[in-house]
Protein backbone atom coordinates (compact mmCIF):
# COMPACT_ATOMS: atom_id res chain seq x y z
CA MET A 1 0.18 -0.48 0.31
CA SER A 2 1.52 3.24 -1.12
CA ALA A 3 2.31 6.39 1.10
CA GLU A 4 -0.93 8.61 -0.34
CA SER A 5 -3.25 5.42 0.09
CA LYS A 6 -2.23 5.36 3.75
CA LYS A 7 -2.37 9.21 4.27
CA ALA A 8 -5.59 9.01 2.80
CA HIS A 9 -7.40 6.17 4.75
CA ASN A 10 -11.24 6.14 5.45
CA PHE A 11 -14.09 4.08 6.55
CA ILE A 12 -14.53 2.33 2.94
CA GLN A 13 -10.92 1.73 2.53
CA SER A 14 -11.49 -0.24 6.09
CA LEU A 15 -14.27 -2.13 4.97
CA ILE A 16 -12.58 -3.61 2.02
CA GLU A 17 -9.42 -4.21 4.27
CA ASP A 18 -11.63 -6.16 6.89
CA ALA A 19 -13.53 -7.80 4.11
CA ILE A 20 -10.50 -9.22 2.36
CA ALA A 21 -8.87 -10.40 6.45
CA ASN A 22 -12.01 -12.12 6.88
CA GLY A 23 -12.23 -14.23 3.32
CA GLU A 24 -15.26 -12.27 2.81
CA HIS A 25 -13.91 -10.83 -0.29
CA THR A 26 -11.23 -12.54 -2.86
CA GLY A 27 -10.20 -11.53 -6.10
CA LYS A 28 -9.47 -8.19 -7.84
CA VAL A 29 -11.01 -4.92 -6.21
CA VAL A 30 -12.96 -3.04 -9.30
CA THR A 31 -14.65 0.37 -9.38
CA ARG A 32 -16.39 2.59 -11.16
CA PHE A 33 -17.02 6.45 -11.72
CA PRO A 34 -20.32 6.90 -13.52
CA PRO A 35 -21.23 9.93 -14.34
CA GLU A 36 -24.34 10.99 -16.38
CA PRO A 37 -23.15 12.91 -19.56
CA ASN A 38 -25.63 15.83 -19.30
CA GLY A 39 -23.46 18.12 -18.15
CA TYR A 40 -19.28 18.96 -16.89
CA LEU A 41 -18.44 17.63 -13.99
CA HIS A 42 -17.69 20.05 -10.92
CA ILE A 43 -15.59 19.66 -7.36
CA GLY A 44 -18.20 17.34 -6.01
CA HIS A 45 -17.58 14.97 -9.17
CA ALA A 46 -13.81 15.25 -7.96
CA LYS A 47 -14.20 14.08 -4.81
CA SER A 48 -16.25 10.56 -6.24
CA ILE A 49 -13.22 10.52 -8.81
CA CYS A 50 -10.55 10.53 -6.36
CA LEU A 51 -12.21 8.00 -4.43
CA ASN A 52 -13.22 5.54 -7.01
CA PHE A 53 -10.08 5.20 -8.77
CA GLY A 54 -7.89 5.81 -5.41
CA ILE A 55 -9.86 2.69 -3.84
CA ALA A 56 -8.63 1.08 -7.37
CA GLU A 57 -5.08 1.96 -6.96
CA THR A 58 -5.12 1.28 -3.21
CA PHE A 59 -6.10 -2.06 -3.58
CA SER A 60 -3.94 -3.11 -7.08
CA GLY A 61 -7.50 -3.05 -8.93
CA ASP A 62 -9.25 -1.25 -11.68
CA CYS A 63 -11.81 1.34 -12.33
CA ASN A 64 -14.05 1.51 -15.16
CA LEU A 65 -15.43 4.90 -16.65
CA ARG A 66 -19.06 4.63 -17.92
CA PHE A 67 -21.21 6.93 -18.74
CA ASP A 68 -24.60 6.66 -17.32
CA ASP A 69 -26.26 7.41 -21.07
CA THR A 70 -29.95 6.34 -20.64
CA ASN A 71 -31.67 9.46 -21.01
CA PRO A 72 -30.66 10.69 -24.44
CA GLU A 73 -32.48 14.22 -24.58
CA LYS A 74 -30.33 15.69 -22.19
CA GLU A 75 -26.66 13.92 -23.29
CA ASN A 76 -24.79 14.79 -25.97
CA GLN A 77 -20.97 14.10 -26.97
CA GLU A 78 -19.33 17.40 -25.71
CA TYR A 79 -19.95 16.82 -22.45
CA ILE A 80 -18.72 13.12 -22.87
CA ASP A 81 -15.65 14.72 -24.51
CA ALA A 82 -15.33 16.77 -21.41
CA ILE A 83 -15.62 14.28 -19.02
CA LYS A 84 -13.05 12.12 -20.01
CA GLN A 85 -10.59 15.04 -20.45
CA ASP A 86 -11.81 16.10 -17.13
CA VAL A 87 -10.61 12.46 -15.36
CA GLU A 88 -7.39 12.26 -17.27
CA TRP A 89 -6.59 16.01 -16.36
CA LEU A 90 -6.90 14.91 -12.70
CA GLY A 91 -3.97 12.28 -13.38
CA TYR A 92 -6.47 9.23 -13.50
CA GLU A 93 -6.57 6.58 -16.24
CA TRP A 94 -9.54 4.24 -16.44
CA ALA A 95 -9.01 0.31 -17.36
CA GLY A 96 -10.27 -0.65 -20.81
CA GLU A 97 -12.32 1.37 -23.43
CA VAL A 98 -14.34 3.80 -21.65
CA ARG A 99 -17.94 1.86 -21.14
CA TYR A 100 -21.54 3.19 -21.71
CA ALA A 101 -24.67 1.73 -20.27
CA SER A 102 -25.97 1.89 -23.69
CA ASP A 103 -23.57 -0.97 -23.94
CA TYR A 104 -25.52 -3.11 -21.98
CA PHE A 105 -29.55 -2.06 -23.90
CA ASP A 106 -29.81 -5.45 -25.48
CA ALA A 107 -28.74 -7.24 -21.97
CA LEU A 108 -31.04 -5.05 -20.03
CA TYR A 109 -34.12 -5.84 -22.26
CA GLU A 110 -33.36 -9.53 -21.87
CA PHE A 111 -33.05 -9.13 -18.05
CA ALA A 112 -36.42 -6.84 -18.13
CA GLU A 113 -38.28 -10.09 -19.74
CA GLU A 114 -36.89 -12.46 -17.11
CA LEU A 115 -38.50 -10.32 -14.70
CA ILE A 116 -41.71 -10.46 -16.65
CA THR A 117 -41.50 -13.99 -16.84
CA ARG A 118 -41.10 -14.38 -13.34
CA ASP A 119 -43.86 -12.40 -12.17
CA LYS A 120 -41.83 -9.63 -10.91
CA ALA A 121 -42.59 -6.72 -13.14
CA TYR A 122 -45.56 -5.86 -14.83
CA VAL A 123 -46.86 -2.96 -17.84
CA CYS A 124 -48.43 -0.26 -15.96
CA ALA A 125 -50.78 2.21 -17.89
CA LEU A 126 -51.49 4.86 -15.28
CA ASN A 127 -50.74 8.37 -16.23
CA ALA A 128 -47.96 10.36 -14.10
CA ASP A 129 -50.61 11.67 -11.92
CA GLU A 130 -51.97 8.60 -11.09
CA MET A 131 -48.99 6.77 -10.46
CA ALA A 132 -48.28 10.12 -7.81
CA GLU A 133 -51.41 9.37 -6.40
CA TYR A 134 -51.03 5.62 -6.26
CA ARG A 135 -47.89 5.52 -4.74
CA GLY A 136 -49.28 6.93 -1.38
CA SER A 137 -47.07 9.22 1.08
CA LEU A 138 -44.24 8.65 3.85
CA ARG A 139 -47.29 7.83 6.33
CA GLU A 140 -49.73 6.07 4.24
CA PRO A 141 -48.91 2.81 2.14
CA GLY A 142 -49.54 2.66 -1.41
CA ARG A 143 -52.51 1.13 -3.74
CA ASN A 144 -51.83 -1.52 -6.29
CA SER A 145 -52.11 -0.47 -9.62
CA PRO A 146 -54.82 -1.86 -11.38
CA TYR A 147 -52.58 -2.99 -13.84
CA ARG A 148 -50.38 -5.01 -11.46
CA ASP A 149 -51.94 -8.48 -11.82
CA ARG A 150 -52.01 -8.27 -15.59
CA PRO A 151 -51.05 -12.21 -17.14
CA ILE A 152 -47.73 -12.70 -17.70
CA GLU A 153 -48.24 -13.24 -21.38
CA GLU A 154 -50.06 -10.09 -21.25
CA SER A 155 -47.15 -7.50 -19.88
CA LEU A 156 -44.27 -9.60 -21.99
CA GLN A 157 -46.52 -9.01 -25.49
CA LEU A 158 -46.98 -5.23 -24.38
CA PHE A 159 -43.44 -4.58 -23.21
CA ARG A 160 -42.81 -6.19 -26.92
CA ASP A 161 -45.00 -3.59 -28.36
CA MET A 162 -43.52 -0.76 -26.31
CA ARG A 163 -39.74 -1.78 -27.78
CA ASP A 164 -41.77 -1.98 -31.52
CA GLY A 165 -42.66 1.30 -31.34
CA LYS A 166 -46.75 1.07 -31.40
CA TYR A 167 -47.29 3.01 -27.80
CA GLN A 168 -46.64 6.90 -27.58
CA ASN A 169 -44.26 8.91 -24.85
CA GLY A 170 -46.04 8.20 -21.65
CA GLU A 171 -48.53 5.83 -22.44
CA LEU A 172 -47.17 2.89 -21.14
CA VAL A 173 -44.32 1.92 -18.54
CA LEU A 174 -42.19 -0.94 -17.01
CA ARG A 175 -42.49 -1.28 -13.39
CA ALA A 176 -41.22 -3.69 -10.86
CA LYS A 177 -43.33 -5.82 -8.34
CA ILE A 178 -42.22 -5.21 -5.39
CA ASP A 179 -44.35 -3.80 -2.46
CA MET A 180 -46.89 -0.94 -2.59
CA ALA A 181 -46.72 -0.88 1.16
CA SER A 182 -43.21 -1.01 1.46
CA PRO A 183 -41.95 2.05 3.94
CA ASN A 184 -39.06 2.86 1.34
CA ILE A 185 -41.04 4.44 -1.23
CA ASN A 186 -38.37 3.50 -4.12
CA LEU A 187 -39.93 -0.01 -3.71
CA ARG A 188 -43.34 0.74 -4.24
CA ASP A 189 -43.35 -0.99 -8.12
CA PRO A 190 -40.93 1.54 -9.19
CA ILE A 191 -40.40 2.15 -12.98
CA LEU A 192 -38.26 0.55 -14.69
CA TYR A 193 -38.51 1.55 -18.34
CA ARG A 194 -40.29 4.28 -19.86
CA ILE A 195 -41.05 5.58 -23.93
CA ARG A 196 -38.56 8.30 -24.89
CA TYR A 197 -38.60 8.54 -28.99
CA ALA A 198 -35.36 10.33 -28.96
CA GLU A 199 -32.13 9.36 -30.66
CA HIS A 200 -29.46 8.41 -29.01
CA HIS A 201 -25.85 9.70 -29.37
CA GLN A 202 -24.61 5.87 -28.83
CA THR A 203 -26.94 3.85 -30.36
CA GLY A 204 -28.94 6.09 -32.74
CA ASP A 205 -32.78 5.17 -32.97
CA LYS A 206 -32.43 1.68 -32.52
CA TRP A 207 -34.43 2.04 -29.50
CA CYS A 208 -37.59 3.81 -28.24
CA ILE A 209 -37.66 2.71 -24.68
CA TYR A 210 -34.69 3.23 -22.20
CA PRO A 211 -34.06 1.97 -18.76
CA MET A 212 -34.50 4.20 -15.57
CA TYR A 213 -30.93 4.50 -13.65
CA ASP A 214 -32.21 2.43 -10.68
CA PHE A 215 -32.71 -0.65 -12.89
CA THR A 216 -29.47 0.28 -15.48
CA HIS A 217 -27.11 0.70 -12.55
CA PRO A 218 -27.04 -2.28 -10.55
CA ILE A 219 -27.19 -4.74 -14.02
CA SER A 220 -24.51 -2.51 -15.36
CA ASP A 221 -22.11 -3.19 -12.46
CA ALA A 222 -22.41 -6.66 -12.66
CA MET A 223 -22.22 -6.77 -16.22
CA GLU A 224 -18.64 -5.29 -15.69
CA GLY A 225 -17.97 -7.49 -12.35
CA ILE A 226 -17.49 -4.41 -10.18
CA THR A 227 -16.99 -5.11 -6.62
CA HIS A 228 -17.86 -1.97 -4.69
CA SER A 229 -20.50 0.20 -6.21
CA LEU A 230 -19.79 3.85 -4.24
CA CYS A 231 -22.37 6.16 -4.43
CA THR A 232 -23.04 9.12 -2.53
CA LEU A 233 -25.59 9.41 0.60
CA GLU A 234 -28.64 9.96 -1.40
CA PHE A 235 -28.85 6.71 -3.07
CA GLU A 236 -28.89 5.34 0.30
CA ASP A 237 -32.39 4.22 -0.04
CA HIS A 238 -32.17 2.66 -3.34
CA ARG A 239 -29.82 0.14 -1.98
CA PRO A 240 -32.47 -2.10 -1.57
CA LEU A 241 -33.88 -1.58 -4.77
CA TYR A 242 -30.24 -2.50 -6.50
CA ASP A 243 -30.48 -5.58 -4.41
CA TRP A 244 -33.44 -6.45 -5.42
CA VAL A 245 -33.10 -6.19 -8.98
CA LEU A 246 -29.60 -8.31 -8.72
CA ASP A 247 -31.46 -10.47 -6.21
CA ASN A 248 -34.54 -11.31 -9.35
CA ILE A 249 -32.09 -11.66 -12.45
CA SER A 250 -29.21 -14.09 -13.69
CA VAL A 251 -26.47 -12.07 -13.30
CA PRO A 252 -22.74 -13.23 -12.90
CA CYS A 253 -22.51 -11.57 -9.45
CA HIS A 254 -23.42 -9.20 -7.05
CA PRO A 255 -21.36 -5.94 -6.51
CA ARG A 256 -21.50 -4.25 -2.70
CA GLN A 257 -22.95 -1.06 -2.70
CA ILE A 258 -21.72 1.73 0.14
CA GLU A 259 -22.38 5.09 0.24
CA PHE A 260 -20.51 8.01 1.36
CA ALA A 261 -21.11 11.98 1.70
CA ARG A 262 -21.40 13.94 -1.31
CA LEU A 263 -19.35 17.08 -1.08
CA ASN A 264 -21.08 20.81 0.05
CA LEU A 265 -19.11 23.86 -0.30
CA ASN A 266 -19.93 27.30 0.86
CA TYR A 267 -20.76 29.96 -1.70
CA THR A 268 -20.52 27.22 -4.13
CA ILE A 269 -23.31 25.23 -6.00
CA THR A 270 -23.21 21.77 -7.06
CA SER A 271 -25.74 20.96 -8.86
CA LYS A 272 -26.11 20.13 -12.51
CA ARG A 273 -29.12 21.70 -12.69
CA LYS A 274 -28.40 24.58 -11.25
CA LEU A 275 -24.93 25.06 -12.98
CA ARG A 276 -27.00 24.67 -16.08
CA ARG A 277 -28.81 27.46 -15.33
CA LEU A 278 -25.92 30.01 -15.13
CA VAL A 279 -25.09 29.00 -17.99
CA ASP A 280 -28.58 29.07 -19.84
CA GLU A 281 -29.47 32.90 -18.82
CA GLY A 282 -26.21 34.14 -18.75
CA ALA A 283 -24.58 34.44 -15.96
CA VAL A 284 -21.29 32.71 -16.81
CA ASP A 285 -19.05 32.69 -19.93
CA GLY A 286 -20.43 28.88 -20.37
CA TRP A 287 -19.45 25.61 -18.31
CA ASN A 288 -15.70 26.74 -18.30
CA ASP A 289 -16.09 29.65 -16.98
CA PRO A 290 -13.02 30.35 -14.46
CA ARG A 291 -15.87 31.39 -11.61
CA MET A 292 -17.47 28.11 -12.39
CA PRO A 293 -17.15 25.00 -9.47
CA THR A 294 -16.78 22.76 -12.78
CA ILE A 295 -13.02 20.92 -13.03
CA SER A 296 -12.93 22.78 -16.62
CA GLY A 297 -13.49 26.19 -14.85
CA MET A 298 -10.90 25.31 -12.37
CA ARG A 299 -8.62 24.28 -14.76
CA ARG A 300 -9.15 27.53 -17.03
CA ARG A 301 -8.64 29.75 -13.94
CA GLY A 302 -5.25 28.07 -12.78
CA TYR A 303 -6.31 24.85 -10.20
CA THR A 304 -4.09 22.45 -10.74
CA PRO A 305 -4.77 18.53 -10.64
CA GLU A 306 -2.77 18.07 -7.33
CA SER A 307 -4.31 20.60 -5.36
CA ILE A 308 -7.66 19.32 -6.34
CA ARG A 309 -6.43 16.00 -5.45
CA THR A 310 -4.99 17.22 -2.10
CA PHE A 311 -8.41 19.19 -0.81
CA CYS A 312 -10.19 15.94 -1.74
CA ASP A 313 -7.62 14.17 0.18
CA MET A 314 -7.86 16.78 3.19
CA ILE A 315 -11.67 16.38 3.65
CA GLY A 316 -11.68 13.03 3.54
CA VAL A 317 -14.81 10.40 2.99
CA ASN A 318 -17.03 10.02 5.66
CA LYS A 319 -21.13 9.18 6.51
CA ALA A 320 -21.96 11.96 7.90
CA GLY A 321 -23.10 15.31 5.44
CA GLY A 322 -22.06 18.58 6.14
CA THR A 323 -20.95 21.80 4.20
CA VAL A 324 -16.85 22.10 3.77
CA ASP A 325 -15.30 25.80 3.81
CA VAL A 326 -14.60 27.08 0.62
CA GLY A 327 -11.25 28.54 2.01
CA MET A 328 -10.06 24.58 2.28
CA LEU A 329 -9.92 24.77 -1.47
CA GLU A 330 -8.45 27.78 -1.56
CA HIS A 331 -5.48 27.48 0.89
CA ALA A 332 -4.75 23.55 -0.96
CA ILE A 333 -4.01 25.89 -4.40
CA ARG A 334 -2.36 28.42 -2.33
CA GLU A 335 0.01 25.75 -0.37
CA ASP A 336 0.80 23.92 -4.14
CA LEU A 337 1.64 27.06 -6.06
CA ASN A 338 3.32 28.44 -3.23
CA ASN A 339 5.68 26.15 -3.45
CA ARG A 340 6.39 25.79 -7.24
CA ALA A 341 4.91 28.78 -9.21
CA PRO A 342 7.42 30.74 -10.45
CA ARG A 343 7.80 34.62 -10.04
CA ALA A 344 6.76 37.55 -11.68
CA MET A 345 5.77 41.39 -11.54
CA CYS A 346 2.62 42.52 -12.71
CA VAL A 347 1.53 46.29 -12.48
CA MET A 348 -2.93 46.48 -12.84
CA ARG A 349 -3.18 49.92 -12.59
CA PRO A 350 0.09 51.63 -14.08
CA LEU A 351 1.21 55.06 -13.02
CA LYS A 352 4.17 56.38 -14.42
CA VAL A 353 7.73 57.02 -12.55
CA THR A 354 10.61 58.96 -14.35
CA LEU A 355 13.80 58.91 -12.29
CA THR A 356 15.21 62.18 -13.34
CA ASN A 357 18.64 61.33 -12.23
CA TYR A 358 18.78 58.03 -14.30
CA PRO A 359 20.48 59.08 -17.80
CA ALA A 360 17.85 59.14 -20.78
CA GLY A 361 18.31 56.18 -23.36
CA GLN A 362 20.12 54.25 -20.67
CA SER A 363 19.34 50.77 -19.18
CA GLU A 364 20.31 47.87 -17.12
CA THR A 365 19.21 44.28 -16.61
CA LEU A 366 18.37 43.34 -13.24
CA THR A 367 18.57 39.50 -12.01
CA LEU A 368 15.76 38.25 -9.76
CA PRO A 369 15.01 34.88 -9.06
CA VAL A 370 12.50 32.74 -10.82
CA HIS A 371 11.31 31.57 -7.65
CA PRO A 372 13.52 33.24 -4.03
CA GLN A 373 12.90 29.56 -2.02
CA ASN A 374 13.98 27.46 -4.94
CA PRO A 375 16.96 28.50 -6.37
CA GLU A 376 17.03 25.64 -8.56
CA MET A 377 14.19 26.87 -10.69
CA GLY A 378 16.88 30.06 -11.90
CA GLU A 379 16.85 33.49 -12.20
CA ARG A 380 14.75 36.07 -14.88
CA GLU A 381 15.94 39.14 -16.13
CA VAL A 382 14.17 42.49 -15.76
CA PRO A 383 15.39 45.70 -17.84
CA TRP A 384 15.70 48.72 -15.42
CA THR A 385 15.21 52.22 -17.33
CA ARG A 386 14.37 55.76 -16.80
CA THR A 387 10.50 55.64 -17.05
CA LEU A 388 8.82 52.84 -14.86
CA TYR A 389 5.36 51.71 -13.71
CA ILE A 390 4.47 51.26 -10.21
CA ASP A 391 0.97 50.46 -9.21
CA ARG A 392 -1.47 53.68 -8.19
CA GLU A 393 -2.79 51.93 -5.16
CA ASP A 394 0.81 52.12 -3.98
CA PHE A 395 0.81 56.03 -4.01
CA ASP A 396 -0.91 58.44 -1.66
CA MET A 397 -0.58 61.78 -1.29
CA GLU A 398 -2.15 61.56 2.34
CA PRO A 399 -1.22 58.57 3.41
CA PRO A 400 -2.43 57.07 6.62
CA ARG A 401 -0.62 55.83 9.17
CA LYS A 402 1.88 52.48 9.16
CA TRP A 403 1.87 53.18 5.25
CA LYS A 404 4.42 50.89 3.31
CA ARG A 405 4.26 52.44 0.24
CA LEU A 406 5.28 55.79 -1.66
CA ALA A 407 4.18 59.21 -0.44
CA PRO A 408 5.78 62.29 -1.47
CA ASP A 409 9.06 62.76 0.14
CA GLN A 410 9.05 59.60 0.90
CA ALA A 411 11.10 56.39 -0.25
CA VAL A 412 10.57 53.25 -1.24
CA ARG A 413 12.16 50.09 -2.43
CA LEU A 414 11.45 48.44 -5.98
CA ARG A 415 11.47 44.80 -5.83
CA GLY A 416 15.09 43.17 -6.71
CA GLY A 417 15.88 47.25 -7.65
CA TYR A 418 16.83 50.53 -5.90
CA VAL A 419 15.73 52.84 -3.53
CA MET A 420 13.68 55.62 -4.82
CA THR A 421 12.11 58.91 -3.48
CA CYS A 422 9.03 61.29 -4.51
CA ARG A 423 9.76 64.47 -5.53
CA GLU A 424 7.15 65.87 -7.41
CA VAL A 425 3.44 64.94 -8.23
CA ILE A 426 2.16 65.59 -11.97
CA ARG A 427 -1.32 66.18 -12.62
CA ASP A 428 -3.69 66.43 -15.50
CA ASP A 429 -5.78 69.46 -16.41
CA SER A 430 -8.67 67.14 -14.77
CA GLY A 431 -6.30 67.15 -11.41
CA GLU A 432 -5.76 63.40 -11.79
CA ILE A 433 -2.45 62.32 -10.68
CA VAL A 434 -0.42 61.04 -14.22
CA GLU A 435 3.31 61.16 -13.31
CA LEU A 436 5.49 61.28 -10.40
CA LYS A 437 9.20 62.41 -10.89
CA CYS A 438 11.48 60.54 -8.46
CA GLU A 439 15.05 60.05 -7.81
CA TYR A 440 16.80 56.74 -7.40
CA ASP A 441 19.75 56.20 -5.26
CA PRO A 442 22.15 54.53 -7.36
CA ASP A 443 24.17 53.08 -4.29
CA THR A 444 21.02 50.94 -3.09
CA LEU A 445 20.95 47.75 -5.37
CA GLY A 446 20.99 44.70 -2.87
CA VAL A 447 22.25 47.37 -0.09
CA ASN A 448 20.34 49.05 2.33
CA PRO A 449 20.63 53.07 1.93
CA GLU A 450 22.82 54.69 4.76
CA GLY A 451 21.11 57.92 6.37
CA TYR A 452 17.14 56.95 5.65
CA LYS A 453 15.16 53.89 5.39
CA PRO A 454 12.56 53.24 3.18
CA ASN A 455 8.95 53.39 3.53
CA GLY A 456 8.17 49.37 2.11
CA VAL A 457 8.69 47.77 -0.99
CA VAL A 458 6.58 48.10 -4.28
CA HIS A 459 6.83 46.37 -7.79
CA TRP A 460 7.48 47.36 -10.79
CA VAL A 461 8.01 47.19 -14.34
CA SER A 462 9.50 49.15 -16.57
CA ALA A 463 7.49 51.52 -18.76
CA THR A 464 9.27 50.80 -22.17
CA ASP A 465 10.72 47.17 -21.86
CA SER A 466 7.63 45.57 -20.55
CA VAL A 467 4.36 44.31 -22.11
CA GLU A 468 0.52 45.06 -22.08
CA ALA A 469 -2.16 42.76 -20.66
CA ASP A 470 -5.42 41.95 -19.56
CA ILE A 471 -6.51 40.67 -15.79
CA ASN A 472 -9.15 38.96 -15.41
CA LEU A 473 -9.79 39.18 -11.18
CA TYR A 474 -11.86 36.59 -10.71
CA ASP A 475 -13.57 36.11 -7.43
CA ARG A 476 -16.11 33.98 -5.41
CA LEU A 477 -19.06 33.55 -7.92
CA PHE A 478 -21.73 33.74 -5.29
CA SER A 479 -21.57 36.51 -2.21
CA HIS A 480 -24.18 34.34 -0.11
CA GLU A 481 -22.34 31.11 1.97
CA SER A 482 -25.62 29.17 0.67
CA PRO A 483 -27.04 30.64 -2.47
CA ASP A 484 -29.74 28.01 -3.36
CA SER A 485 -30.80 27.60 0.69
CA ASP A 486 -32.50 30.52 0.96
CA LYS A 487 -35.70 29.97 0.80
CA ASP A 488 -36.67 34.20 0.40
CA SER A 489 -34.92 34.49 -2.29
CA ASP A 490 -33.62 33.23 -5.82
CA LEU A 491 -29.98 31.97 -6.01
CA MET A 492 -29.82 34.96 -8.78
CA ASP A 493 -30.05 37.32 -6.08
CA HIS A 494 -26.71 36.28 -4.44
CA LEU A 495 -24.41 36.28 -7.20
CA ASN A 496 -21.13 38.66 -6.47
CA PRO A 497 -21.16 42.24 -8.52
CA GLU A 498 -17.72 42.02 -8.30
CA SER A 499 -16.84 38.14 -9.12
CA LEU A 500 -15.03 39.27 -12.38
CA VAL A 501 -13.34 42.67 -13.03
CA VAL A 502 -11.42 43.09 -16.20
CA LEU A 503 -8.77 45.10 -15.73
CA LYS A 504 -7.77 46.83 -19.73
CA GLY A 505 -3.80 48.26 -20.21
CA ALA A 506 -1.86 46.45 -17.28
CA ARG A 507 1.82 46.09 -17.41
CA VAL A 508 3.71 43.20 -17.20
CA GLU A 509 7.35 41.82 -17.56
CA LYS A 510 9.04 41.30 -20.98
CA SER A 511 9.22 37.38 -20.14
CA LEU A 512 5.92 36.83 -20.14
CA ALA A 513 5.11 38.20 -23.29
CA GLN A 514 5.34 34.42 -24.51
CA PRO A 515 3.73 33.12 -20.60
CA ARG A 516 4.15 29.87 -19.65
CA THR A 517 0.59 27.89 -19.94
CA ASP A 518 1.20 24.69 -17.65
CA LEU A 519 1.36 26.45 -14.54
CA PRO A 520 0.05 30.20 -12.97
CA TYR A 521 2.39 32.64 -12.05
CA GLN A 522 2.79 34.27 -8.96
CA PHE A 523 2.33 38.11 -9.16
CA GLU A 524 4.49 39.46 -6.38
CA ARG A 525 2.28 41.02 -4.36
CA GLU A 526 -0.81 40.49 -6.05
CA GLY A 527 -1.61 36.99 -6.10
CA TYR A 528 -1.48 33.79 -8.54
CA PHE A 529 -2.59 34.28 -12.18
CA PHE A 530 -2.93 31.69 -15.28
CA CYS A 531 -2.49 32.84 -18.94
CA ASP A 532 -5.89 32.37 -20.25
CA GLN A 533 -4.73 30.75 -24.26
CA GLU A 534 -8.47 30.84 -25.38
CA HIS A 535 -8.85 34.39 -24.44
CA THR A 536 -5.03 35.46 -25.11
CA ALA A 537 -5.16 34.36 -28.76
CA SER A 538 -8.47 36.35 -29.62
CA ALA A 539 -6.90 39.29 -27.94
CA GLY A 540 -3.50 39.22 -29.36
CA ARG A 541 -1.82 40.11 -26.12
CA PRO A 542 -1.66 37.90 -22.63
CA VAL A 543 -4.55 37.55 -20.81
CA PHE A 544 -3.77 36.67 -17.26
CA ASN A 545 -7.24 35.15 -14.91
CA ARG A 546 -6.28 35.36 -11.20
CA THR A 547 -6.28 31.86 -9.79
CA VAL A 548 -6.58 33.12 -6.14
CA THR A 549 -5.24 35.77 -3.65
CA LEU A 550 -2.27 35.75 -1.59
CA ARG A 551 -4.45 35.32 1.66
CA ASP A 552 -7.73 34.91 2.22
CA SER A 553 -9.54 38.35 1.56
CA TRP A 554 -13.15 36.92 2.79
CA GLY A 555 -11.90 35.64 6.28
CA LYS A 556 -13.09 37.72 8.89
CA GLY A 557 -15.81 39.81 7.49
CA GLY A 558 -13.08 40.67 4.63
CA LYS A 559 -15.91 40.97 2.19
């Protein structure tokens, strides 16, 4: 067992270890990740991916990738491709070829006929409203459908007629014959098949009847030899139906379903239906908008697969539900990037600085570390010229107490460069500050000045040897801790109006004209930023997305 596996030890791993130790389980451990291709994967799916593939890795087993594609009206190839990319990007490799529930449609149909011939299923003609009425409630038992006692041969013929397209959507369904008085409503003769005239992305127009999830999933697991079917807690009440299906047909094995708590993050929604609403209503720029909690959105924002896997390890796997602070996710990416992100300087709101005592037309090259704690990452060259840019927020005409930046007649050190003192402030006709006239101290490169003390350190770039860039300051999409649980308002009311602030005309070091695209940069004193390849290509200049701030700006009432 690997060190990583020991670190990520959880109750499911313990259950499997115990089963192996007492002889209840022999042979290979086989798990599966079974997403529906009706949207993009989000951070909650990442937890399931890490668990299913992680359990397989721990026990030297296999994990299958199987698409639960039983609802063709909401599925398409775009989602399939995106899901495969996300799983691979997280660093996992599925066993064999990609699988689809639709691979088993022929077998599922035969198993449905087997249930009918065993008098365990029947064709029902109740409509949706009637079926709801007959189902009963949590307090009252249901009533048998008037079609429950159809002769076996009649149900078998009607089911074949359904398959052959002789009935319309909603006219007939195939139901399991279990127990309408069961305290578990899932066992009150659930629907196994319904009629849907929809072309399927894998099987075309071969089928006009499609199996329900609760029928498809256990059979697909058994067909693939899955040993442990790991599901979130909302499927706990479905487990008796999972077992009933497998107990009443001639499948080759009976997988064990185990449930765990799904991931809930504050300031975040992890419902594909609600995420789709954000996309459809234009609240975000698609499923991969960097504000979205989708894996593709997080990838575009600059999250690393290592940070997401670390986060999933941090929160653990348990039976108890609850809400995780999104700050833990942000902490995971900060920790990862702090150790390995290259450093660079970016002036987001440029303010011109002229060094009046530096010779016009002259320049020199300063050498700064790529990472101050990792010398093996090398050095970078930064041009020093007569005209520079600093950030407007680093200058104040009337600075507050304990101000550690530039002010009139005060000195600061420019990061990795010289100390300079502000001597004159230039304004335009409207009174806006447009330039600072400063003097630099030529004897202060790498040494402290004599006779005075700089008032802090600010970052900078050369005005003539820097590159224009656009900066997307991404923040949390919602300003409410639980945006979809407020009964008195709509989740759209809780959108954070400052979730995206676009800064045009920023300036970055010359070396970032061709930025790396595998890892974010730490823009010194600003945060971590990742090159947006899509926007960079269309803008014709570098575009950077803020991955995360250097520190948690939301804690202690910061927002």
